[in-house]
Amino acid sequence: MGFLDNSGDIILDAVLTDLGRERMARGDGSFRIAKFTVGDDEIDYGKYDLSKVTSLRDIDILKTPVLEAFTDNGAQIRSKLVTIARNDLLFLPILKLVNGTVNSKLVTSTSAVLSTDNVIYVTADLDTSKTLAAASATNTSVRQLYIRPGVIRGDGTTDAPKNTSMIVIDQGLDTIKIPQSTPLDADLTETQYLIQLDDRLGQLQTAPSKTTQTLAPVNFVDDDRIANYYVHGSQYVTKIAPASTQNPTATKSAILGPLGTRLMFAIRASTNIATSTTLFDKLGSTKTDLSLSGEDYSAFTFKIIDSIARVTGVTTGYRLDIPIRYIKKV
């Protein structure tokens, strides 16, 4: 990666994706640029200086070096530029991981919170799930995985321990300047999400809160083995109702202002990592000191692979990367 000097010049640096280069190489006229993406990941808008005269307030921003175009389509633009045909917006919606509690209040007991080393564990098989399970607070003879913070059960079986942990993401305006009871405008509300996972490691499945937990159909898998899932509807997306005097039992949210939608999903480990350690040996490492509270795991050896689950709102383009750690007891 490099930077291009942007002082005094307007630079357009573009590269073709792997598919674009393939079609151009055919030489049969099938190559046409139909879609492109622009972004501003490298720009710090905090450099807008109100102390200067109007014509110079943005000079430091305009002189910021810009990144060279990425030749690897796996290194996608994080902050994609979007066009919104309105000039009355003071805030834009974001996506926020529900990480256990908000203002000391439990948002949902089944959301998978980040462990102390800032990852969400996904178990590769039933043996690992049982090892990472915690004793029930009401019945110490029953071990239930959802009580263990930071763990999602990915073995795909219905055997004990109970499987209720999932990833929960809230969408809306994260500000106290606008009351949470104010409805979020329809053109800012996400109704469809793009979820991307490494296809070698995991598969998307519905949240265990649903009647039947099923695998989601893959829309496509790109040349880097990244599976793309477009999800919508009540199996994954629900509207968040704000709490009020008239509705005190409404859903609590990680978002402070006007509420959009809540995305809920889980991850199932792939057959490759469930039945073999080959990918763990090739892509991962070995670990014993798990950052999970409550028990000592030093007597066990685990193989791990670090990855991410990438969630993008289709309407606004806002993107959230969730650190995932696939784990297998050996």
Protein backbone atom coordinates (compact mmCIF):
# COMPACT_ATOMS: atom_id res chain seq x y z
CA MET A 1 0.00 0.00 0.00
CA GLY A 2 1.17 3.53 -0.66
CA PHE A 3 -0.01 7.13 -0.56
CA LEU A 4 -0.36 9.54 -3.48
CA ASP A 5 0.54 13.20 -2.98
CA ASN A 6 -2.71 15.15 -3.30
CA SER A 7 -1.35 18.67 -2.75
CA GLY A 8 -2.31 20.84 -5.70
CA ASP A 9 -3.40 17.96 -7.94
CA ILE A 10 -6.59 16.02 -8.62
CA ILE A 11 -5.70 12.35 -8.85
CA LEU A 12 -7.82 9.52 -10.19
CA ASP A 13 -6.23 6.15 -9.46
CA ALA A 14 -8.34 3.13 -10.39
CA VAL A 15 -7.76 -0.61 -10.61
CA LEU A 16 -9.90 -3.38 -12.04
CA THR A 17 -11.25 -6.21 -9.95
CA ASP A 18 -10.21 -9.78 -10.72
CA LEU A 19 -13.41 -10.24 -12.74
CA GLY A 20 -12.79 -7.00 -14.64
CA ARG A 21 -9.25 -8.06 -15.60
CA GLU A 22 -10.54 -11.45 -16.68
CA ARG A 23 -13.15 -9.93 -19.00
CA MET A 24 -10.73 -7.39 -20.42
CA ALA A 25 -8.29 -10.21 -21.21
CA ARG A 26 -10.94 -11.99 -23.27
CA GLY A 27 -10.85 -9.24 -25.89
CA ASP A 28 -14.38 -10.09 -27.03
CA GLY A 29 -16.07 -6.81 -26.12
CA SER A 30 -17.61 -8.16 -22.90
CA PHE A 31 -15.55 -5.73 -20.81
CA ARG A 32 -17.57 -2.68 -19.82
CA ILE A 33 -17.22 -0.64 -16.64
CA ALA A 34 -20.77 -0.71 -15.27
CA LYS A 35 -20.15 -0.20 -11.54
CA PHE A 36 -17.49 1.47 -9.45
CA THR A 37 -16.98 2.45 -5.81
CA VAL A 38 -15.35 5.50 -4.27
CA GLY A 39 -14.43 6.01 -0.65
CA ASP A 40 -12.74 8.37 1.80
CA ASP A 41 -11.12 6.07 4.35
CA GLU A 42 -7.98 8.20 4.61
CA ILE A 43 -9.73 11.55 5.17
CA ASP A 44 -9.96 13.07 8.66
CA TYR A 45 -12.78 15.62 8.58
CA GLY A 46 -11.74 16.79 12.04
CA LYS A 47 -9.11 18.87 10.24
CA TYR A 48 -11.82 21.29 9.08
CA ASP A 49 -10.59 24.47 10.82
CA LEU A 50 -13.26 27.02 11.72
CA SER A 51 -10.61 29.44 12.99
CA LYS A 52 -9.43 30.16 9.42
CA VAL A 53 -11.09 32.27 6.78
CA THR A 54 -13.81 30.47 4.84
CA SER A 55 -11.70 29.68 1.77
CA LEU A 56 -8.96 28.02 3.87
CA ARG A 57 -10.99 26.02 6.37
CA ASP A 58 -10.76 22.79 4.37
CA ILE A 59 -7.23 23.27 3.00
CA ASP A 60 -5.69 20.62 5.28
CA ILE A 61 -8.32 18.11 4.19
CA LEU A 62 -7.74 18.83 0.51
CA LYS A 63 -3.98 18.30 0.96
CA THR A 64 -4.39 14.91 2.66
CA PRO A 65 -2.51 12.18 0.74
CA VAL A 66 -4.91 9.62 -0.71
CA LEU A 67 -4.47 5.86 -0.71
CA GLU A 68 -3.46 4.02 -3.84
CA ALA A 69 -6.29 1.95 -5.29
CA PHE A 70 -6.39 -1.59 -3.90
CA THR A 71 -5.57 -4.40 -6.30
CA ASP A 72 -7.03 -6.98 -3.90
CA ASN A 73 -10.83 -6.91 -3.92
CA GLY A 74 -10.72 -8.53 -0.49
CA ALA A 75 -9.37 -5.25 0.92
CA GLN A 76 -12.56 -3.37 0.26
CA ILE A 77 -13.25 0.29 0.96
CA ARG A 78 -14.47 0.67 4.52
CA SER A 79 -16.17 4.06 4.17
CA LYS A 80 -18.02 4.09 0.86
CA LEU A 81 -19.33 7.42 -0.34
CA VAL A 82 -23.10 7.60 -0.74
CA THR A 83 -25.41 10.21 -2.19
CA ILE A 84 -28.34 11.35 -0.06
CA ALA A 85 -30.66 13.81 -1.76
CA ARG A 86 -31.35 15.77 1.45
CA ASN A 87 -29.67 18.68 3.20
CA ASP A 88 -31.47 18.49 6.57
CA LEU A 89 -29.49 15.66 8.18
CA LEU A 90 -27.41 16.38 11.26
CA PHE A 91 -26.68 12.70 12.00
CA LEU A 92 -26.33 9.54 9.93
CA PRO A 93 -27.32 6.08 11.16
CA ILE A 94 -24.74 3.55 12.28
CA LEU A 95 -24.58 -0.15 13.11
CA LYS A 96 -23.69 -1.06 16.70
CA LEU A 97 -22.89 -4.45 18.18
CA VAL A 98 -25.11 -5.25 21.17
CA ASN A 99 -22.41 -6.11 23.65
CA GLY A 100 -24.29 -7.25 26.74
CA THR A 101 -25.28 -4.08 28.58
CA VAL A 102 -26.00 -0.46 27.72
CA ASN A 103 -25.89 2.08 30.54
CA SER A 104 -25.73 -0.83 33.03
CA LYS A 105 -28.97 -2.31 31.66
CA LEU A 106 -29.03 -5.71 30.01
CA VAL A 107 -30.10 -5.33 26.38
CA THR A 108 -30.54 -9.02 25.66
CA SER A 109 -29.36 -12.02 27.65
CA THR A 110 -28.67 -14.03 24.50
CA SER A 111 -26.42 -11.59 22.63
CA ALA A 112 -22.86 -12.86 22.30
CA VAL A 113 -20.66 -10.30 24.00
CA LEU A 114 -17.03 -9.71 23.16
CA SER A 115 -14.60 -11.61 25.35
CA THR A 116 -11.92 -9.71 27.24
CA ASP A 117 -9.60 -9.98 24.23
CA ASN A 118 -12.29 -8.41 22.03
CA VAL A 119 -13.40 -11.42 19.99
CA ILE A 120 -16.49 -13.60 19.81
CA TYR A 121 -15.64 -17.31 20.02
CA VAL A 122 -17.37 -19.77 17.67
CA THR A 123 -16.98 -23.42 18.66
CA ALA A 124 -16.05 -25.85 15.87
CA ASP A 125 -17.55 -29.04 17.33
CA LEU A 126 -19.69 -30.43 20.16
CA ASP A 127 -16.70 -31.41 22.30
CA THR A 128 -15.47 -27.80 22.27
CA SER A 129 -18.97 -26.51 23.03
CA LYS A 130 -19.24 -28.73 26.09
CA THR A 131 -15.81 -27.67 27.28
CA LEU A 132 -16.64 -23.96 27.04
CA ALA A 133 -20.10 -24.31 28.56
CA ALA A 134 -20.81 -22.88 32.00
CA ALA A 135 -22.87 -24.31 34.82
CA SER A 136 -26.44 -23.02 34.98
CA ALA A 137 -27.02 -20.46 37.69
CA THR A 138 -30.15 -22.31 38.80
CA ASN A 139 -29.00 -25.87 38.28
CA THR A 140 -25.28 -26.54 38.61
CA SER A 141 -25.65 -30.01 37.11
CA VAL A 142 -26.78 -28.52 33.77
CA ARG A 143 -24.22 -26.73 31.65
CA GLN A 144 -25.61 -24.12 29.28
CA LEU A 145 -23.40 -22.40 26.74
CA TYR A 146 -25.25 -19.10 26.59
CA ILE A 147 -24.19 -18.23 30.15
CA ARG A 148 -20.56 -18.14 29.03
CA PRO A 149 -19.83 -14.58 27.78
CA GLY A 150 -18.17 -14.29 24.40
CA VAL A 151 -19.12 -17.71 22.98
CA ILE A 152 -21.39 -18.72 20.11
CA ARG A 153 -22.09 -22.38 19.62
CA GLY A 154 -21.11 -23.34 16.08
CA ASP A 155 -21.27 -27.14 16.13
CA GLY A 156 -24.75 -27.28 14.61
CA THR A 157 -26.09 -30.08 16.83
CA THR A 158 -29.10 -30.08 19.14
CA ASP A 159 -27.33 -31.87 22.00
CA ALA A 160 -26.78 -30.17 25.36
CA PRO A 161 -25.56 -27.57 26.26
CA LYS A 162 -28.47 -25.32 25.32
CA ASN A 163 -27.82 -23.19 22.25
CA THR A 164 -29.20 -19.64 22.57
CA SER A 165 -26.25 -17.32 21.91
CA MET A 166 -26.22 -15.14 18.79
CA ILE A 167 -24.83 -11.94 17.27
CA VAL A 168 -27.14 -8.94 17.67
CA ILE A 169 -26.61 -5.62 15.87
CA ASP A 170 -28.75 -2.50 16.27
CA GLN A 171 -29.12 0.27 13.69
CA GLY A 172 -30.13 3.89 14.16
CA LEU A 173 -28.93 7.37 15.15
CA ASP A 174 -26.55 7.00 18.09
CA THR A 175 -27.10 10.42 19.66
CA ILE A 176 -28.90 11.89 22.66
CA LYS A 177 -29.65 15.07 20.70
CA ILE A 178 -32.78 13.47 19.20
CA PRO A 179 -35.21 11.53 21.44
CA GLN A 180 -35.25 7.78 20.97
CA SER A 181 -39.04 7.98 20.57
CA THR A 182 -38.60 9.97 17.34
CA PRO A 183 -39.25 7.66 14.36
CA LEU A 184 -36.26 7.08 12.08
CA ASP A 185 -36.94 8.21 8.53
CA ALA A 186 -37.67 5.40 6.08
CA ASP A 187 -34.78 6.36 3.77
CA LEU A 188 -32.35 5.93 6.68
CA THR A 189 -33.75 2.63 7.96
CA GLU A 190 -32.00 -0.59 6.97
CA THR A 191 -34.33 -3.39 5.87
CA GLN A 192 -31.67 -5.54 4.19
CA TYR A 193 -28.11 -6.41 5.18
CA LEU A 194 -25.10 -7.94 3.46
CA ILE A 195 -23.21 -10.40 5.69
CA GLN A 196 -19.81 -11.70 4.57
CA LEU A 197 -17.99 -14.70 6.04
CA ASP A 198 -14.94 -16.74 5.08
CA ASP A 199 -16.61 -19.70 3.38
CA ARG A 200 -13.82 -22.06 4.42
CA LEU A 201 -14.50 -21.45 8.10
CA GLY A 202 -18.16 -20.74 8.75
CA GLN A 203 -21.68 -20.47 7.42
CA LEU A 204 -24.47 -18.05 8.24
CA GLN A 205 -27.47 -19.42 10.10
CA THR A 206 -30.58 -17.97 11.67
CA ALA A 207 -30.52 -16.95 15.30
CA PRO A 208 -31.35 -19.70 17.82
CA SER A 209 -34.25 -17.56 19.07
CA LYS A 210 -36.14 -18.59 15.93
CA THR A 211 -38.40 -21.66 15.91
CA THR A 212 -36.05 -23.60 13.64
CA GLN A 213 -32.38 -22.70 13.24
CA THR A 214 -31.49 -23.09 9.58
CA LEU A 215 -28.54 -22.31 7.34
CA ALA A 216 -28.91 -19.26 5.09
CA PRO A 217 -28.58 -19.67 1.31
CA VAL A 218 -25.39 -18.17 -0.12
CA ASN A 219 -25.91 -15.52 -2.78
CA PHE A 220 -22.39 -15.92 -4.16
CA VAL A 221 -18.84 -16.81 -3.15
CA ASP A 222 -16.10 -14.62 -4.60
CA ASP A 223 -12.63 -15.64 -5.77
CA ASP A 224 -11.22 -15.10 -2.26
CA ARG A 225 -13.67 -17.63 -0.81
CA ILE A 226 -15.74 -14.91 0.87
CA ALA A 227 -19.40 -15.94 1.03
CA ASN A 228 -21.92 -13.14 0.57
CA TYR A 229 -25.37 -13.37 2.15
CA TYR A 230 -28.14 -10.83 1.57
CA VAL A 231 -30.65 -11.16 4.42
CA HIS A 232 -33.98 -9.51 5.16
CA GLY A 233 -37.34 -10.35 6.68
CA SER A 234 -38.29 -11.43 10.19
CA GLN A 235 -35.89 -14.38 10.23
CA TYR A 236 -33.03 -11.89 10.52
CA VAL A 237 -34.30 -8.30 10.69
CA THR A 238 -36.85 -6.79 13.09
CA LYS A 239 -37.95 -3.22 13.82
CA ILE A 240 -36.85 -1.90 17.21
CA ALA A 241 -39.67 -0.40 19.27
CA PRO A 242 -38.45 2.35 21.65
CA ALA A 243 -39.32 2.14 25.33
CA SER A 244 -41.80 4.75 26.58
CA THR A 245 -44.29 5.41 29.35
CA GLN A 246 -46.97 3.77 27.23
CA ASN A 247 -44.67 0.94 26.18
CA PRO A 248 -42.26 0.29 29.09
CA THR A 249 -41.50 -3.29 28.05
CA ALA A 250 -40.26 -2.38 24.58
CA THR A 251 -36.89 -3.64 23.39
CA LYS A 252 -33.85 -1.95 24.94
CA SER A 253 -31.29 -0.93 22.37
CA ALA A 254 -27.59 -0.21 22.03
CA ILE A 255 -28.60 2.89 20.00
CA LEU A 256 -29.22 6.07 22.00
CA GLY A 257 -31.37 8.00 19.51
CA PRO A 258 -34.03 7.18 16.89
CA LEU A 259 -34.13 3.43 16.27
CA GLY A 260 -33.99 1.55 13.00
CA THR A 261 -33.79 -2.24 12.85
CA ARG A 262 -32.14 -5.09 14.74
CA LEU A 263 -30.15 -7.77 12.90
CA MET A 264 -29.79 -11.18 14.58
CA PHE A 265 -27.82 -14.14 13.28
CA ALA A 266 -25.53 -16.97 14.30
CA ILE A 267 -22.56 -18.75 12.72
CA ARG A 268 -22.08 -22.46 12.17
CA ALA A 269 -18.59 -23.86 11.78
CA SER A 270 -17.83 -25.39 8.40
CA THR A 271 -17.42 -29.12 7.96
CA ASN A 272 -13.73 -28.55 7.25
CA ILE A 273 -12.93 -27.17 10.69
CA ALA A 274 -15.48 -29.33 12.49
CA THR A 275 -13.90 -32.58 11.33
CA SER A 276 -10.26 -31.65 10.77
CA THR A 277 -7.45 -29.49 12.11
CA THR A 278 -5.87 -28.90 8.69
CA LEU A 279 -7.07 -25.31 8.32
CA PHE A 280 -6.23 -24.59 11.95
CA ASP A 281 -2.67 -25.77 11.30
CA LYS A 282 -2.45 -23.77 8.07
CA LEU A 283 -4.19 -20.53 9.09
CA GLY A 284 -4.33 -20.50 12.87
CA SER A 285 -2.41 -21.03 16.08
CA THR A 286 -2.61 -22.81 19.45
CA LYS A 287 -3.96 -21.24 22.63
CA THR A 288 -4.62 -22.23 26.27
CA ASP A 289 -5.17 -18.96 28.13
CA LEU A 290 -8.70 -18.19 26.89
CA SER A 291 -10.02 -14.75 27.83
CA LEU A 292 -13.27 -16.12 29.25
CA SER A 293 -14.25 -15.45 32.82
CA GLY A 294 -15.26 -18.05 35.36
CA GLU A 295 -13.06 -21.08 34.74
CA ASP A 296 -9.44 -22.09 34.26
CA TYR A 297 -8.77 -23.56 30.80
CA SER A 298 -5.03 -24.08 31.25
CA ALA A 299 -5.54 -27.86 31.32
CA PHE A 300 -6.87 -27.79 27.75
CA THR A 301 -5.25 -27.04 24.41
CA PHE A 302 -7.25 -25.25 21.72
CA LYS A 303 -6.57 -24.48 18.09
CA ILE A 304 -7.88 -21.10 16.91
CA ILE A 305 -8.36 -19.16 13.68
CA ASP A 306 -9.09 -15.43 13.79
CA SER A 307 -11.46 -14.05 11.17
CA ILE A 308 -14.22 -11.46 10.87
CA ALA A 309 -17.92 -11.31 10.11
CA ARG A 310 -18.55 -8.22 8.00
CA VAL A 311 -22.01 -6.63 8.11
CA THR A 312 -23.03 -3.87 5.67
CA GLY A 313 -26.32 -1.98 5.57
CA VAL A 314 -27.62 -2.09 1.99
CA THR A 315 -29.43 1.27 2.28
CA THR A 316 -26.74 3.44 3.88
CA GLY A 317 -23.58 1.43 3.14
CA TYR A 318 -22.46 1.59 6.78
CA ARG A 319 -20.18 -1.33 7.58
CA LEU A 320 -19.30 -3.12 10.80
CA ASP A 321 -16.53 -5.72 11.21
CA ILE A 322 -17.04 -8.20 14.04
CA PRO A 323 -13.94 -10.12 15.23
CA ILE A 324 -14.62 -13.86 15.17
CA ARG A 325 -12.36 -16.55 16.65
CA TYR A 326 -13.10 -20.13 15.58
CA ILE A 327 -11.96 -22.50 18.30
CA LYS A 328 -11.44 -26.27 18.47
CA LYS A 329 -10.35 -28.31 21.48
CA VAL A 330 -7.56 -30.77 20.67
